[in-house]
């Protein structure tokens, strides 16, 4: 678990079952303090539903969510004043300028400082277009505005769902640096299916699959768990389709010798395959396919 003097967020057997019978989150328990939690999982794993429950947008159908010891399901306002949230589908008011938009969200969160609005626009590199209508912004610019509104109230808990969608490489790096900096004294939950987004900043990683928590571990521990289970080999091109169906292939590169494979497998997957050191993407694939649900 995240190393901290006190636990800020506790989930106790949290479950979300929809009226159609689908269980999006199933008996999930987790305790977190300060730091950056990278929440990884494929589409449909339940990440967004989990974060919506933590953000008090939807209620769990079972279990409890506590923040600083308070049940946020029965007392959501206790968390909301300390919360920053960037949903996956962040909408904007096209007719407002960036300054007007951010000032509006600041007022909703009880922030009246104009200097705070200016500070946030500069942080996300929108200060030069502060007086332009956001309806004319690119997708990446709108996403940066979403990041600014999530941070405007200096939240104790920041939840961001696929926040780097639409950002160019330089913007992605800037955003990761922002999260890394603020994660020292608060809790950041960063949901993504792109391992490289959280590789350098996550204090801990949680892997979800089919609504269940598969594993929570620090990046070094996740790497250690996958050690001895990552292999490289080259096969003939006409064997690739068969290998793709049978194996967990992390990467494949076609070359003059055939297809070079990087495979995640607890045992040697093919004759002649050589064990190599795992990277974090390998470790994620290992946890997702061979880890045991907690």
Protein backbone atom coordinates (compact mmCIF):
# COMPACT_ATOMS: atom_id res chain seq x y z
CA UNK A 1 0.00 0.00 0.00
CA UNK A 2 1.03 3.63 -0.35
CA UNK A 3 3.43 4.61 2.41
CA UNK A 4 1.85 7.34 4.52
CA UNK A 5 1.34 8.20 8.16
CA UNK A 6 -2.44 8.04 7.85
CA UNK A 7 -4.93 6.43 5.52
CA UNK A 8 -6.94 8.99 3.54
CA UNK A 9 -9.19 6.76 1.42
CA UNK A 10 -10.55 3.33 2.32
CA UNK A 11 -12.78 1.12 0.20
CA UNK A 12 -14.43 -1.77 2.02
CA UNK A 13 -15.95 -4.53 -0.15
CA UNK A 14 -17.29 -1.96 -2.61
CA UNK A 15 -19.71 -3.34 -5.22
CA UNK A 16 -21.69 -1.68 -7.99
CA UNK A 17 -24.48 -3.70 -9.57
CA UNK A 18 -26.63 -2.01 -12.22
CA UNK A 19 -30.34 -2.62 -12.71
CA UNK A 20 -29.66 -4.80 -15.75
CA UNK A 21 -27.71 -7.18 -13.52
CA UNK A 22 -24.23 -6.19 -14.70
CA UNK A 23 -21.69 -6.02 -11.87
CA UNK A 24 -19.24 -3.28 -12.82
CA UNK A 25 -17.25 -3.38 -9.56
CA UNK A 26 -17.20 -6.54 -7.48
CA UNK A 27 -16.25 -6.68 -3.78
CA UNK A 28 -13.28 -4.32 -4.09
CA UNK A 29 -11.25 -3.33 -1.01
CA UNK A 30 -8.35 -0.87 -1.00
CA UNK A 31 -6.63 1.51 1.41
CA UNK A 32 -4.69 4.53 0.15
CA UNK A 33 -2.77 7.46 1.56
CA UNK A 34 -0.80 10.17 -0.25
CA UNK A 35 0.87 9.50 -3.57
CA UNK A 36 -0.09 8.70 -7.15
CA UNK A 37 -2.11 5.54 -7.74
CA UNK A 38 -2.02 4.32 -11.34
CA UNK A 39 -5.30 2.50 -11.99
CA UNK A 40 -4.77 0.14 -14.92
CA UNK A 41 -7.12 -2.19 -16.72
CA UNK A 42 -8.63 -2.89 -20.13
CA UNK A 43 -11.79 -1.20 -21.33
CA UNK A 44 -14.73 -2.55 -19.34
CA UNK A 45 -12.63 -3.39 -16.29
CA UNK A 46 -14.73 -1.11 -14.05
CA UNK A 47 -12.21 1.72 -13.61
CA UNK A 48 -14.58 4.55 -14.54
CA UNK A 49 -17.42 3.18 -12.38
CA UNK A 50 -15.04 2.87 -9.44
CA UNK A 51 -13.87 6.46 -9.80
CA UNK A 52 -17.44 7.73 -10.17
CA UNK A 53 -18.28 6.09 -6.84
CA UNK A 54 -15.23 7.60 -5.16
CA UNK A 55 -16.15 11.00 -6.63
CA UNK A 56 -19.72 10.63 -5.18
CA UNK A 57 -21.31 10.76 -8.66
CA UNK A 58 -22.88 7.33 -8.23
CA UNK A 59 -23.50 5.27 -5.10
CA UNK A 60 -22.18 1.77 -4.43
CA UNK A 61 -24.78 -0.96 -4.07
CA UNK A 62 -22.62 -2.67 -1.47
CA UNK A 63 -19.71 -1.85 0.82
CA UNK A 64 -18.41 1.49 2.12
CA UNK A 65 -16.10 4.26 0.91
CA UNK A 66 -14.41 6.28 3.66
CA UNK A 67 -12.35 9.46 3.32
CA UNK A 68 -10.47 10.47 6.46
CA UNK A 69 -12.76 8.11 8.35
CA UNK A 70 -16.03 9.63 7.07
CA UNK A 71 -18.49 7.61 4.97
CA UNK A 72 -18.77 9.66 1.77
CA UNK A 73 -21.89 7.83 0.60
CA UNK A 74 -23.89 9.20 3.53
CA UNK A 75 -21.92 12.48 3.68
CA UNK A 76 -20.78 13.29 0.11
CA UNK A 77 -20.27 17.03 0.73
CA UNK A 78 -17.43 16.23 3.13
CA UNK A 79 -15.38 14.94 0.21
CA UNK A 80 -16.68 17.18 -2.56
CA UNK A 81 -15.10 20.32 -1.12
CA UNK A 82 -11.74 18.52 -1.09
CA UNK A 83 -12.12 16.81 -4.48
CA UNK A 84 -10.77 17.51 -7.95
CA UNK A 85 -12.26 15.37 -10.73
CA UNK A 86 -11.61 15.12 -14.46
CA UNK A 87 -14.02 12.65 -16.08
CA UNK A 88 -13.22 10.76 -19.24
CA UNK A 89 -15.78 12.75 -21.24
CA UNK A 90 -15.21 16.34 -20.18
CA UNK A 91 -17.58 18.88 -21.73
CA UNK A 92 -17.11 22.63 -22.07
CA UNK A 93 -19.38 25.66 -22.54
CA UNK A 94 -18.39 26.75 -26.03
CA UNK A 95 -19.45 30.39 -25.67
CA UNK A 96 -17.28 31.11 -22.63
CA UNK A 97 -13.66 32.20 -22.79
CA UNK A 98 -11.08 30.12 -20.96
CA UNK A 99 -10.96 32.71 -18.15
CA UNK A 100 -14.75 32.80 -17.85
CA UNK A 101 -15.01 29.02 -17.91
CA UNK A 102 -12.38 28.52 -15.21
CA UNK A 103 -13.74 31.39 -13.10
CA UNK A 104 -17.17 29.73 -13.22
CA UNK A 105 -15.78 26.40 -12.01
CA UNK A 106 -13.72 28.17 -9.36
CA UNK A 107 -16.88 29.83 -8.02
CA UNK A 108 -18.66 26.46 -7.90
CA UNK A 109 -15.82 25.19 -5.74
CA UNK A 110 -15.72 28.23 -3.46
CA UNK A 111 -12.55 29.75 -4.97
CA UNK A 112 -12.77 33.51 -5.55
CA UNK A 113 -9.11 34.31 -6.26
CA UNK A 114 -8.50 35.65 -9.78
CA UNK A 115 -4.81 34.98 -9.35
CA UNK A 116 -5.60 31.28 -8.83
CA UNK A 117 -7.42 31.20 -12.18
CA UNK A 118 -4.46 32.86 -13.89
CA UNK A 119 -2.06 30.47 -12.16
CA UNK A 120 -3.98 27.42 -13.38
CA UNK A 121 -4.19 28.70 -16.96
CA UNK A 122 -0.44 29.23 -16.97
CA UNK A 123 0.18 25.79 -15.46
CA UNK A 124 -1.65 24.10 -18.34
CA UNK A 125 -0.16 26.49 -20.93
CA UNK A 126 -3.43 28.22 -21.85
CA UNK A 127 -2.57 31.69 -20.54
CA UNK A 128 -1.90 33.02 -24.07
CA UNK A 129 -5.44 32.07 -25.19
CA UNK A 130 -7.18 32.96 -21.94
CA UNK A 131 -9.64 35.32 -23.64
CA UNK A 132 -10.53 33.07 -26.55
CA UNK A 133 -13.86 31.19 -26.64
CA UNK A 134 -13.28 27.57 -25.70
CA UNK A 135 -15.60 26.41 -28.49
CA UNK A 136 -12.71 27.04 -30.88
CA UNK A 137 -10.19 25.06 -28.83
CA UNK A 138 -8.68 21.81 -30.06
CA UNK A 139 -9.43 18.58 -28.20
CA UNK A 140 -6.06 18.78 -26.43
CA UNK A 141 -6.67 22.37 -25.33
CA UNK A 142 -10.09 21.44 -23.93
CA UNK A 143 -8.48 18.56 -22.06
CA UNK A 144 -5.91 20.93 -20.55
CA UNK A 145 -8.77 23.21 -19.47
CA UNK A 146 -10.35 20.18 -17.81
CA UNK A 147 -7.12 19.53 -15.95
CA UNK A 148 -7.09 23.15 -14.76
CA UNK A 149 -10.65 22.97 -13.39
CA UNK A 150 -9.81 19.75 -11.55
CA UNK A 151 -6.91 21.49 -9.79
CA UNK A 152 -8.49 24.92 -9.22
CA UNK A 153 -9.50 24.22 -5.58
CA UNK A 154 -6.13 22.68 -4.62
CA UNK A 155 -7.82 19.32 -3.90
CA UNK A 156 -6.75 16.80 -1.27
CA UNK A 157 -8.00 14.03 -3.57
CA UNK A 158 -7.57 14.31 -7.34
CA UNK A 159 -9.24 11.78 -9.66
CA UNK A 160 -8.42 11.83 -13.37
CA UNK A 161 -9.90 9.39 -15.89
CA UNK A 162 -7.85 8.91 -19.08
CA UNK A 163 -6.56 12.50 -18.71
CA UNK A 164 -3.94 12.42 -21.46
CA UNK A 165 -6.41 11.64 -24.27
CA UNK A 166 -5.92 14.20 -27.03
CA UNK A 167 -2.67 15.60 -25.61
CA UNK A 168 0.48 15.75 -27.71
CA UNK A 169 3.72 14.21 -26.32
CA UNK A 170 4.94 17.50 -24.82
CA UNK A 171 1.60 18.12 -23.12
CA UNK A 172 1.50 14.56 -21.79
CA UNK A 173 4.92 15.06 -20.23
CA UNK A 174 3.88 18.39 -18.70
CA UNK A 175 0.77 16.83 -17.20
CA UNK A 176 2.67 13.85 -15.78
CA UNK A 177 5.11 16.25 -14.14
CA UNK A 178 2.22 18.20 -12.59
CA UNK A 179 0.72 15.03 -11.12
CA UNK A 180 4.10 13.86 -9.86
CA UNK A 181 4.66 17.17 -8.08
CA UNK A 182 1.26 17.35 -6.39
CA UNK A 183 1.27 13.67 -5.39
CA UNK A 184 3.78 14.30 -2.61
CA UNK A 185 1.21 15.60 -0.13
CA UNK A 186 -2.16 14.39 -1.44
CA UNK A 187 -3.77 11.42 -3.14
CA UNK A 188 -3.98 11.26 -6.94
CA UNK A 189 -5.90 8.47 -8.70
CA UNK A 190 -4.90 8.29 -12.36
CA UNK A 191 -6.90 5.86 -14.50
CA UNK A 192 -5.51 4.81 -17.87
CA UNK A 193 -4.93 1.84 -20.12
CA UNK A 194 -1.62 3.32 -21.34
CA UNK A 195 1.14 2.05 -19.07
CA UNK A 196 3.65 4.69 -20.17
CA UNK A 197 1.35 7.41 -18.76
CA UNK A 198 2.00 6.31 -15.19
CA UNK A 199 5.32 4.46 -15.50
CA UNK A 200 7.47 7.28 -14.13
CA UNK A 201 5.07 8.83 -11.60
CA UNK A 202 2.98 6.10 -9.93
CA UNK A 203 3.74 5.42 -6.29
CA UNK A 204 1.57 2.34 -6.56
CA UNK A 205 -0.33 0.53 -9.29
CA UNK A 206 -3.71 -1.18 -9.04
CA UNK A 207 -4.77 -3.56 -11.81
CA UNK A 208 -8.48 -4.21 -12.42
CA UNK A 209 -10.15 -6.86 -14.56
CA UNK A 210 -13.86 -7.61 -14.93
CA UNK A 211 -14.73 -5.43 -11.94
CA UNK A 212 -12.26 -7.06 -9.59
CA UNK A 213 -8.99 -5.87 -8.14
CA UNK A 214 -6.30 -8.23 -9.42
CA UNK A 215 -3.28 -6.76 -7.65
CA UNK A 216 -2.00 -3.62 -5.94
CA UNK A 217 1.76 -3.19 -5.77
CA UNK A 218 4.56 -0.69 -6.14
CA UNK A 219 6.11 -0.61 -9.62
CA UNK A 220 9.28 -2.44 -8.41
CA UNK A 221 7.17 -5.18 -6.79
CA UNK A 222 5.08 -5.52 -9.93
CA UNK A 223 8.27 -5.93 -11.96
CA UNK A 224 9.63 -8.52 -9.53
CA UNK A 225 6.44 -10.56 -9.82
CA UNK A 226 6.90 -10.77 -13.60
CA UNK A 227 10.61 -11.63 -13.48
CA UNK A 228 11.28 -14.93 -15.23
CA UNK A 229 8.00 -14.70 -17.17
CA UNK A 230 9.03 -12.53 -20.13
CA UNK A 231 10.59 -14.10 -23.22
CA UNK A 232 11.91 -13.13 -26.62
CA UNK A 233 12.18 -15.24 -29.74
CA UNK A 234 11.88 -15.04 -33.52
CA UNK A 235 9.43 -17.18 -35.49
CA UNK A 236 8.62 -17.59 -39.18
CA UNK A 237 6.04 -15.12 -40.49
CA UNK A 238 3.61 -17.89 -41.42
CA UNK A 239 3.48 -18.98 -37.75
CA UNK A 240 2.57 -15.54 -36.40
CA UNK A 241 -1.23 -15.85 -36.56
CA UNK A 242 -1.08 -19.14 -34.64
CA UNK A 243 1.27 -17.64 -32.04
CA UNK A 244 -0.95 -14.58 -31.62
CA UNK A 245 -3.94 -16.79 -30.82
CA UNK A 246 -2.03 -18.99 -28.37
CA UNK A 247 0.31 -16.59 -26.56
CA UNK A 248 0.25 -13.30 -24.60
CA UNK A 249 2.35 -11.22 -26.97
CA UNK A 250 3.53 -7.91 -25.55
CA UNK A 251 5.22 -6.72 -28.75
CA UNK A 252 5.97 -8.04 -32.24
CA UNK A 253 8.31 -6.71 -34.90
CA UNK A 254 8.57 -8.06 -38.42
CA UNK A 255 12.06 -8.25 -39.87
CA UNK A 256 14.00 -10.13 -42.53
CA UNK A 257 14.34 -13.15 -40.23
CA UNK A 258 10.61 -13.46 -39.49
CA UNK A 259 8.69 -11.96 -36.58
CA UNK A 260 10.49 -11.05 -33.36
CA UNK A 261 8.19 -11.67 -30.39
CA UNK A 262 8.18 -10.48 -26.81
CA UNK A 263 5.93 -12.89 -24.91
CA UNK A 264 4.60 -12.90 -21.34
CA UNK A 265 4.30 -16.46 -20.02
CA UNK A 266 5.00 -18.16 -16.65
CA UNK A 267 6.86 -20.91 -18.53
CA UNK A 268 8.96 -20.99 -21.69
CA UNK A 269 6.38 -20.37 -24.47
CA UNK A 270 8.35 -21.67 -27.47
CA UNK A 271 11.49 -23.74 -28.04
CA UNK A 272 14.52 -21.47 -28.10
CA UNK A 273 12.82 -18.52 -26.38
CA UNK A 274 15.16 -16.55 -24.11
CA UNK A 275 14.11 -15.03 -20.78
CA UNK A 276 14.53 -11.23 -20.57
CA UNK A 277 13.99 -8.58 -17.91
CA UNK A 278 10.38 -7.31 -17.73
CA UNK A 279 9.36 -3.71 -18.20
CA UNK A 280 6.23 -2.25 -16.61
CA UNK A 281 4.04 -3.05 -19.61
CA UNK A 282 5.14 -6.69 -19.40
CA UNK A 283 4.39 -6.65 -15.67
CA UNK A 284 0.90 -5.26 -16.34
CA UNK A 285 0.18 -8.01 -18.87
CA UNK A 286 1.47 -10.62 -16.41
CA UNK A 287 -0.71 -9.29 -13.58
CA UNK A 288 -3.76 -9.02 -15.84
CA UNK A 289 -3.48 -12.58 -17.15
CA UNK A 290 -1.70 -14.55 -14.46
CA UNK A 291 -2.27 -12.58 -11.23
CA UNK A 292 -4.83 -13.72 -8.67
CA UNK A 293 -7.75 -11.48 -7.74
CA UNK A 294 -7.41 -10.01 -4.25
